[in-house]
Amino acid sequence: MRASDAYDLRACLRSAGMRATRPRLALAALIFEAGHRHLTAEGLHREAAHTGTRLPLATVYNTLHRLTEAGLLQRIVVDARRSYFDTNTTPHYHFFDEDHGRLVDIPAEAVELSRLPEAPAGTEVESVDVIIRVRRTG
């Protein structure tokens, strides 16, 4: 979502149950004004520092997690050490470039899942994550 499309960052934060403090507004602007993208908490923390917004890394993590819980971001767990946050919350999958640590969107219609196992008793499938890991050849 883009602020240039009249997206109200204050409303965004309120919908996530967050007060629209100056640091959170600065983070929301960095997250949403650039369009669809994949970001890490550490990368967002560096971006904020480059714009003069100094805040603890914990604030960045808390903000990202609250926005994810509110459905405004999608969390992509690449491995036990790395999580990315995706501003594209529509159903889709990802390539993960192992050489550069970068996610690339794959449209949902480009992947065909023909069969899933039956979910354990008392549960239902909430979503399916597909991450295709790639490396440069040669």
N, C-alpha and C. Protein backbone atom coordinates (compact mmCIF):
# COMPACT_ATOMS: atom_id res chain seq x y z
N MET A 1 0.85 -1.18 0.00
CA MET A 1 0.00 0.00 0.00
C MET A 1 0.89 1.23 0.00
N ARG A 2 0.47 2.22 -0.70
CA ARG A 2 1.31 3.39 -0.87
C ARG A 2 0.63 4.62 -0.29
N ALA A 3 1.41 5.43 0.42
CA ALA A 3 0.88 6.68 0.96
C ALA A 3 0.44 7.59 -0.18
N SER A 4 1.12 7.49 -1.33
CA SER A 4 0.75 8.33 -2.47
C SER A 4 -0.62 7.95 -3.02
N ASP A 5 -1.11 6.77 -2.68
CA ASP A 5 -2.46 6.34 -3.06
C ASP A 5 -3.45 6.72 -1.97
N ALA A 6 -3.12 7.73 -1.19
CA ALA A 6 -3.95 8.26 -0.10
C ALA A 6 -4.11 7.25 1.02
N TYR A 7 -3.18 6.36 1.17
CA TYR A 7 -3.22 5.41 2.28
C TYR A 7 -2.83 6.14 3.55
N ASP A 8 -3.65 6.07 4.54
CA ASP A 8 -3.42 6.79 5.78
C ASP A 8 -2.59 5.93 6.73
N LEU A 9 -1.35 6.33 6.93
CA LEU A 9 -0.46 5.56 7.79
C LEU A 9 -0.95 5.52 9.24
N ARG A 10 -1.59 6.59 9.68
CA ARG A 10 -2.16 6.59 11.03
C ARG A 10 -3.24 5.52 11.16
N ALA A 11 -4.09 5.42 10.15
CA ALA A 11 -5.15 4.41 10.16
C ALA A 11 -4.55 3.01 10.11
N CYS A 12 -3.46 2.88 9.37
CA CYS A 12 -2.74 1.61 9.28
C CYS A 12 -2.30 1.16 10.67
N LEU A 13 -1.68 2.06 11.39
CA LEU A 13 -1.21 1.74 12.74
C LEU A 13 -2.38 1.47 13.68
N ARG A 14 -3.42 2.28 13.58
CA ARG A 14 -4.59 2.07 14.44
C ARG A 14 -5.22 0.70 14.18
N SER A 15 -5.27 0.28 12.91
CA SER A 15 -5.86 -1.02 12.59
C SER A 15 -5.04 -2.16 13.18
N ALA A 16 -3.78 -1.90 13.46
CA ALA A 16 -2.92 -2.89 14.10
C ALA A 16 -2.93 -2.74 15.62
N GLY A 17 -3.80 -1.85 16.13
CA GLY A 17 -3.89 -1.65 17.57
C GLY A 17 -2.72 -0.88 18.14
N MET A 18 -2.11 -0.04 17.32
CA MET A 18 -0.91 0.69 17.74
C MET A 18 -1.17 2.19 17.73
N ARG A 19 -0.58 2.88 18.70
CA ARG A 19 -0.63 4.34 18.68
C ARG A 19 0.29 4.85 17.58
N ALA A 20 -0.10 5.93 16.96
CA ALA A 20 0.68 6.49 15.85
C ALA A 20 1.76 7.42 16.39
N THR A 21 2.77 6.84 17.00
CA THR A 21 3.89 7.63 17.51
C THR A 21 4.79 8.03 16.33
N ARG A 22 5.63 9.02 16.54
CA ARG A 22 6.53 9.48 15.48
C ARG A 22 7.43 8.35 14.95
N PRO A 23 8.07 7.54 15.83
CA PRO A 23 8.90 6.45 15.30
C PRO A 23 8.09 5.42 14.50
N ARG A 24 6.90 5.09 14.97
CA ARG A 24 6.08 4.11 14.25
C ARG A 24 5.60 4.66 12.92
N LEU A 25 5.25 5.94 12.88
CA LEU A 25 4.86 6.55 11.61
C LEU A 25 6.03 6.54 10.63
N ALA A 26 7.23 6.81 11.13
CA ALA A 26 8.42 6.78 10.27
C ALA A 26 8.64 5.37 9.73
N LEU A 27 8.49 4.35 10.58
CA LEU A 27 8.65 2.97 10.13
C LEU A 27 7.56 2.60 9.12
N ALA A 28 6.32 2.96 9.41
CA ALA A 28 5.22 2.65 8.49
C ALA A 28 5.46 3.29 7.13
N ALA A 29 5.96 4.51 7.11
CA ALA A 29 6.26 5.18 5.84
C ALA A 29 7.33 4.41 5.08
N LEU A 30 8.39 3.98 5.77
CA LEU A 30 9.45 3.21 5.11
C LEU A 30 8.91 1.88 4.58
N ILE A 31 8.04 1.25 5.35
CA ILE A 31 7.51 -0.06 4.96
C ILE A 31 6.58 0.05 3.76
N PHE A 32 5.61 0.96 3.83
CA PHE A 32 4.51 0.94 2.87
C PHE A 32 4.64 1.91 1.70
N GLU A 33 5.44 2.95 1.82
CA GLU A 33 5.50 3.93 0.74
C GLU A 33 6.31 3.45 -0.46
N ALA A 34 7.09 2.41 -0.30
CA ALA A 34 7.93 1.92 -1.41
C ALA A 34 7.22 0.86 -2.25
N GLY A 35 5.95 0.58 -1.99
CA GLY A 35 5.23 -0.46 -2.74
C GLY A 35 5.57 -1.83 -2.20
N HIS A 36 5.26 -2.85 -3.01
CA HIS A 36 5.51 -4.23 -2.56
C HIS A 36 7.00 -4.48 -2.46
N ARG A 37 7.38 -5.03 -1.30
CA ARG A 37 8.79 -5.34 -1.09
C ARG A 37 8.94 -6.34 0.04
N HIS A 38 10.13 -6.92 0.12
CA HIS A 38 10.49 -7.85 1.19
C HIS A 38 11.55 -7.16 2.02
N LEU A 39 11.38 -7.19 3.33
CA LEU A 39 12.36 -6.53 4.18
C LEU A 39 12.61 -7.34 5.45
N THR A 40 13.75 -7.09 6.03
CA THR A 40 14.10 -7.69 7.31
C THR A 40 14.06 -6.60 8.37
N ALA A 41 13.97 -7.02 9.61
CA ALA A 41 13.98 -6.05 10.70
C ALA A 41 15.29 -5.28 10.72
N GLU A 42 16.38 -5.98 10.52
CA GLU A 42 17.70 -5.33 10.55
C GLU A 42 17.83 -4.33 9.40
N GLY A 43 17.36 -4.72 8.21
CA GLY A 43 17.42 -3.81 7.07
C GLY A 43 16.57 -2.57 7.27
N LEU A 44 15.37 -2.77 7.83
CA LEU A 44 14.49 -1.64 8.12
C LEU A 44 15.11 -0.73 9.18
N HIS A 45 15.75 -1.32 10.16
CA HIS A 45 16.43 -0.55 11.21
C HIS A 45 17.52 0.33 10.58
N ARG A 46 18.29 -0.23 9.63
CA ARG A 46 19.33 0.55 8.94
C ARG A 46 18.71 1.67 8.11
N GLU A 47 17.61 1.37 7.38
CA GLU A 47 16.93 2.39 6.59
C GLU A 47 16.45 3.54 7.47
N ALA A 48 15.88 3.19 8.62
CA ALA A 48 15.39 4.22 9.53
C ALA A 48 16.55 5.10 10.00
N ALA A 49 17.66 4.48 10.35
CA ALA A 49 18.83 5.25 10.81
C ALA A 49 19.33 6.19 9.70
N HIS A 50 19.30 5.73 8.45
CA HIS A 50 19.74 6.58 7.33
C HIS A 50 18.84 7.78 7.13
N THR A 51 17.58 7.68 7.55
CA THR A 51 16.66 8.82 7.42
C THR A 51 16.66 9.69 8.67
N GLY A 52 17.51 9.33 9.64
CA GLY A 52 17.60 10.12 10.86
C GLY A 52 16.68 9.65 11.97
N THR A 53 15.97 8.56 11.76
CA THR A 53 15.10 8.01 12.80
C THR A 53 15.90 6.99 13.60
N ARG A 54 16.23 7.35 14.79
CA ARG A 54 17.01 6.47 15.66
C ARG A 54 16.06 5.82 16.65
N LEU A 55 16.02 4.49 16.64
CA LEU A 55 15.15 3.77 17.55
C LEU A 55 15.74 2.38 17.78
N PRO A 56 15.36 1.76 18.89
CA PRO A 56 15.90 0.43 19.19
C PRO A 56 15.43 -0.61 18.16
N LEU A 57 16.28 -1.59 17.90
CA LEU A 57 15.92 -2.68 17.00
C LEU A 57 14.67 -3.40 17.52
N ALA A 58 14.51 -3.48 18.83
CA ALA A 58 13.33 -4.13 19.40
C ALA A 58 12.04 -3.43 18.97
N THR A 59 12.07 -2.11 18.84
CA THR A 59 10.90 -1.37 18.37
C THR A 59 10.56 -1.75 16.94
N VAL A 60 11.58 -1.94 16.11
CA VAL A 60 11.37 -2.35 14.72
C VAL A 60 10.73 -3.74 14.70
N TYR A 61 11.29 -4.68 15.46
CA TYR A 61 10.73 -6.03 15.52
C TYR A 61 9.28 -6.00 16.01
N ASN A 62 9.04 -5.28 17.10
CA ASN A 62 7.67 -5.21 17.65
C ASN A 62 6.69 -4.64 16.64
N THR A 63 7.10 -3.60 15.94
CA THR A 63 6.22 -2.98 14.93
C THR A 63 5.94 -3.95 13.80
N LEU A 64 6.96 -4.61 13.29
CA LEU A 64 6.76 -5.58 12.21
C LEU A 64 5.83 -6.71 12.63
N HIS A 65 6.04 -7.22 13.84
CA HIS A 65 5.20 -8.33 14.31
C HIS A 65 3.75 -7.88 14.52
N ARG A 66 3.54 -6.70 15.04
CA ARG A 66 2.17 -6.20 15.24
C ARG A 66 1.48 -5.96 13.90
N LEU A 67 2.19 -5.43 12.92
CA LEU A 67 1.61 -5.23 11.59
C LEU A 67 1.30 -6.58 10.93
N THR A 68 2.13 -7.58 11.19
CA THR A 68 1.88 -8.93 10.67
C THR A 68 0.63 -9.52 11.32
N GLU A 69 0.52 -9.40 12.63
CA GLU A 69 -0.66 -9.92 13.35
C GLU A 69 -1.94 -9.26 12.85
N ALA A 70 -1.84 -8.00 12.44
CA ALA A 70 -3.01 -7.27 11.94
C ALA A 70 -3.31 -7.60 10.48
N GLY A 71 -2.46 -8.42 9.84
CA GLY A 71 -2.69 -8.80 8.45
C GLY A 71 -2.18 -7.81 7.44
N LEU A 72 -1.36 -6.85 7.87
CA LEU A 72 -0.84 -5.84 6.96
C LEU A 72 0.50 -6.22 6.35
N LEU A 73 1.14 -7.23 6.93
CA LEU A 73 2.38 -7.78 6.40
C LEU A 73 2.27 -9.30 6.45
N GLN A 74 3.08 -9.96 5.65
CA GLN A 74 3.18 -11.41 5.69
C GLN A 74 4.60 -11.75 6.11
N ARG A 75 4.74 -12.63 7.10
CA ARG A 75 6.08 -13.04 7.55
C ARG A 75 6.49 -14.29 6.78
N ILE A 76 7.69 -14.25 6.21
CA ILE A 76 8.25 -15.36 5.46
C ILE A 76 9.46 -15.85 6.25
N VAL A 77 9.39 -17.06 6.76
CA VAL A 77 10.51 -17.65 7.51
C VAL A 77 11.33 -18.46 6.52
N VAL A 78 12.52 -17.98 6.22
CA VAL A 78 13.39 -18.63 5.25
C VAL A 78 14.17 -19.76 5.90
N ASP A 79 14.63 -19.54 7.09
CA ASP A 79 15.28 -20.58 7.89
C ASP A 79 15.24 -20.13 9.34
N ALA A 80 15.83 -20.90 10.22
CA ALA A 80 15.75 -20.61 11.65
C ALA A 80 16.39 -19.27 12.01
N ARG A 81 17.27 -18.75 11.16
CA ARG A 81 17.96 -17.51 11.45
C ARG A 81 17.39 -16.29 10.73
N ARG A 82 16.55 -16.52 9.70
CA ARG A 82 16.13 -15.39 8.86
C ARG A 82 14.62 -15.38 8.62
N SER A 83 14.05 -14.21 8.89
CA SER A 83 12.65 -13.96 8.55
C SER A 83 12.60 -12.67 7.74
N TYR A 84 11.72 -12.66 6.77
CA TYR A 84 11.46 -11.48 5.96
C TYR A 84 10.01 -11.08 6.18
N PHE A 85 9.72 -9.83 5.94
CA PHE A 85 8.35 -9.33 6.03
C PHE A 85 7.98 -8.81 4.65
N ASP A 86 6.84 -9.25 4.16
CA ASP A 86 6.39 -8.97 2.80
C ASP A 86 5.19 -8.04 2.86
N THR A 87 5.24 -6.95 2.11
CA THR A 87 4.10 -6.02 2.06
C THR A 87 3.00 -6.54 1.16
N ASN A 88 3.29 -7.55 0.36
CA ASN A 88 2.28 -8.16 -0.51
C ASN A 88 1.60 -9.28 0.29
N THR A 89 0.39 -9.03 0.72
CA THR A 89 -0.32 -10.02 1.54
C THR A 89 -1.30 -10.87 0.74
N THR A 90 -1.31 -10.71 -0.59
CA THR A 90 -2.16 -11.56 -1.42
C THR A 90 -1.49 -12.93 -1.53
N PRO A 91 -2.26 -13.99 -1.81
CA PRO A 91 -1.64 -15.32 -1.92
C PRO A 91 -0.59 -15.36 -3.03
N HIS A 92 0.61 -15.77 -2.68
CA HIS A 92 1.69 -15.95 -3.63
C HIS A 92 2.81 -16.72 -2.96
N TYR A 93 3.82 -17.10 -3.75
CA TYR A 93 4.93 -17.90 -3.25
C TYR A 93 6.23 -17.15 -3.53
N HIS A 94 7.36 -17.80 -3.23
CA HIS A 94 8.64 -17.09 -3.35
C HIS A 94 9.77 -17.97 -3.88
N PHE A 95 10.65 -17.34 -4.66
CA PHE A 95 11.99 -17.85 -4.89
C PHE A 95 12.85 -17.21 -3.81
N PHE A 96 13.82 -17.96 -3.29
CA PHE A 96 14.81 -17.37 -2.38
C PHE A 96 16.17 -17.54 -3.01
N ASP A 97 16.80 -16.42 -3.34
CA ASP A 97 18.13 -16.41 -3.94
C ASP A 97 19.15 -16.60 -2.82
N GLU A 98 19.68 -17.81 -2.74
CA GLU A 98 20.63 -18.16 -1.67
C GLU A 98 21.91 -17.34 -1.75
N ASP A 99 22.32 -16.95 -2.96
CA ASP A 99 23.56 -16.19 -3.13
C ASP A 99 23.46 -14.77 -2.61
N HIS A 100 22.28 -14.17 -2.76
CA HIS A 100 22.11 -12.76 -2.39
C HIS A 100 21.15 -12.53 -1.23
N GLY A 101 20.56 -13.59 -0.68
CA GLY A 101 19.63 -13.43 0.43
C GLY A 101 18.41 -12.61 0.05
N ARG A 102 17.87 -12.86 -1.14
CA ARG A 102 16.78 -12.04 -1.66
C ARG A 102 15.59 -12.91 -2.01
N LEU A 103 14.39 -12.43 -1.68
CA LEU A 103 13.14 -13.08 -2.06
C LEU A 103 12.60 -12.45 -3.32
N VAL A 104 12.01 -13.28 -4.18
CA VAL A 104 11.35 -12.82 -5.40
C VAL A 104 9.98 -13.47 -5.43
N ASP A 105 8.95 -12.67 -5.67
CA ASP A 105 7.58 -13.20 -5.71
C ASP A 105 7.36 -14.15 -6.89
N ILE A 106 6.54 -15.16 -6.62
CA ILE A 106 6.03 -16.07 -7.65
C ILE A 106 4.51 -15.95 -7.58
N PRO A 107 3.85 -15.61 -8.68
CA PRO A 107 2.39 -15.53 -8.64
C PRO A 107 1.78 -16.88 -8.24
N ALA A 108 0.72 -16.85 -7.47
CA ALA A 108 0.07 -18.08 -6.99
C ALA A 108 -0.30 -19.00 -8.15
N GLU A 109 -0.75 -18.42 -9.27
CA GLU A 109 -1.19 -19.24 -10.40
C GLU A 109 -0.03 -19.93 -11.11
N ALA A 110 1.21 -19.57 -10.81
CA ALA A 110 2.38 -20.19 -11.43
C ALA A 110 2.77 -21.49 -10.74
N VAL A 111 2.18 -21.77 -9.59
CA VAL A 111 2.48 -22.99 -8.84
C VAL A 111 1.21 -23.81 -8.74
N GLU A 112 1.33 -25.08 -9.07
CA GLU A 112 0.17 -25.96 -8.99
C GLU A 112 0.42 -27.01 -7.91
N LEU A 113 -0.43 -26.99 -6.90
CA LEU A 113 -0.37 -27.99 -5.84
C LEU A 113 -1.51 -28.97 -6.11
N SER A 114 -1.17 -30.20 -6.45
CA SER A 114 -2.21 -31.15 -6.84
C SER A 114 -2.82 -31.90 -5.66
N ARG A 115 -2.08 -32.01 -4.56
CA ARG A 115 -2.62 -32.77 -3.44
C ARG A 115 -1.89 -32.38 -2.17
N LEU A 116 -2.63 -32.24 -1.09
CA LEU A 116 -2.07 -31.99 0.23
C LEU A 116 -2.48 -33.14 1.14
N PRO A 117 -1.66 -33.46 2.13
CA PRO A 117 -2.08 -34.49 3.08
C PRO A 117 -3.24 -33.98 3.92
N GLU A 118 -4.00 -34.89 4.47
CA GLU A 118 -5.10 -34.50 5.34
C GLU A 118 -4.52 -33.89 6.61
N ALA A 119 -5.12 -32.80 7.05
CA ALA A 119 -4.64 -32.13 8.27
C ALA A 119 -4.92 -33.03 9.48
N PRO A 120 -4.09 -32.94 10.52
CA PRO A 120 -4.33 -33.74 11.73
C PRO A 120 -5.73 -33.46 12.31
N ALA A 121 -6.25 -34.42 13.02
CA ALA A 121 -7.58 -34.30 13.61
C ALA A 121 -7.70 -33.02 14.43
N GLY A 122 -8.81 -32.32 14.24
CA GLY A 122 -9.07 -31.10 15.00
C GLY A 122 -8.38 -29.86 14.45
N THR A 123 -7.75 -29.99 13.27
CA THR A 123 -7.08 -28.83 12.67
C THR A 123 -7.53 -28.68 11.22
N GLU A 124 -7.20 -27.53 10.64
CA GLU A 124 -7.44 -27.31 9.23
C GLU A 124 -6.26 -26.56 8.65
N VAL A 125 -6.03 -26.74 7.37
CA VAL A 125 -4.92 -26.05 6.70
C VAL A 125 -5.27 -24.57 6.62
N GLU A 126 -4.40 -23.75 7.19
CA GLU A 126 -4.59 -22.30 7.17
C GLU A 126 -3.95 -21.69 5.93
N SER A 127 -2.76 -22.16 5.59
CA SER A 127 -2.08 -21.66 4.40
C SER A 127 -0.98 -22.64 4.02
N VAL A 128 -0.45 -22.46 2.83
CA VAL A 128 0.66 -23.27 2.35
C VAL A 128 1.75 -22.30 1.90
N ASP A 129 2.94 -22.47 2.44
CA ASP A 129 4.08 -21.65 2.06
C ASP A 129 4.98 -22.45 1.13
N VAL A 130 5.35 -21.85 0.02
CA VAL A 130 6.29 -22.49 -0.90
C VAL A 130 7.45 -21.52 -1.09
N ILE A 131 8.65 -22.01 -0.76
CA ILE A 131 9.87 -21.24 -1.00
C ILE A 131 10.77 -22.12 -1.85
N ILE A 132 11.05 -21.67 -3.05
CA ILE A 132 11.93 -22.39 -3.96
C ILE A 132 13.31 -21.73 -3.87
N ARG A 133 14.27 -22.48 -3.41
CA ARG A 133 15.62 -21.94 -3.21
C ARG A 133 16.43 -22.07 -4.50
N VAL A 134 17.06 -20.99 -4.88
CA VAL A 134 17.85 -20.97 -6.12
C VAL A 134 19.26 -20.47 -5.83
N ARG A 135 20.21 -20.91 -6.67
CA ARG A 135 21.60 -20.44 -6.66
C ARG A 135 22.01 -20.16 -8.08
N ARG A 136 22.95 -19.25 -8.27
CA ARG A 136 23.49 -18.96 -9.59
C ARG A 136 24.25 -20.18 -10.10
N THR A 137 24.16 -20.42 -11.36
CA THR A 137 24.89 -21.54 -11.98
C THR A 137 26.26 -21.04 -12.41
N GLY A 138 27.19 -21.98 -12.49
CA GLY A 138 28.50 -21.64 -13.03
C GLY A 138 29.45 -21.23 -12.06
